């Protein structure tokens, strides 16, 4: 888990340490400018809340933290920092791979995943991010963003900024934090507004790995989404093996479903 803890703000120096590290200041660093990729906000979708990444309470450096029961209506002002290449490719709190340019964030108490709108109050720039990690554990910080998000919000060089964080409330989010892992039989690859795109993805997965795939419609937040699910699998070993294969192929970490 790679949520941030602290930093001294210097030019192109971020504010992050491994969340299990000692509470000392450790400088992070930005990617090379030539490696920059076009920015894209996170696309909110009703991802289920799973046990992974949502253990509560949890302890870091002797302090206990509690994960909120729901993100609905969350709105808070505070200091944002960022983390970068020091953590590129490492697992986040829910097992996803950190991408320095991804539209992601770390938060101490919001359920994982939660979609948030982050506004830099110094320039009114806004991004939509997916919380998939824990941190920052510095008492003066509210949220830790990917370096790409800090660039988009215009505070990458300063290191920190005062922001407003608001949850993006979604209908149809299933809370499965108390569900035993042994009951999972499916993997959800995503939910798409385009039925054609969902069908094409399902066909590609099925033809490449011969996994059974289904596409089902669900109404969420006043719009229709098309969920792509892989399975059923006969046991957890087969499910986890398929999940590892799909992640290795570059797909966002599929979410286990009952």
Foldseek 3Di string as FASTA:
>chain_A
DWAAAAEDAAFQWWTGDRQQDDNDHDTAGADDPVPDDDADFDDDDQEAQAQQLQDPFDDTPRDTAGADPAQPFDKDKAKEFEHEDVQAQHAARRGWGDHLQAQEKAFAHYGFWWWKWKAQPVPRQIGIGTYHHHDDNHVRGGMYGRLNVCVSNPCSRRRMGIIMIHTDDKPPHHYCHVPDLFPFFKWWLGKALDPVVLVVVLVVVCVPPVWDWDWDWDDMPNGIIIIIMTDRDPTPVVVVVVQVVCVVVPGTRTDTDD
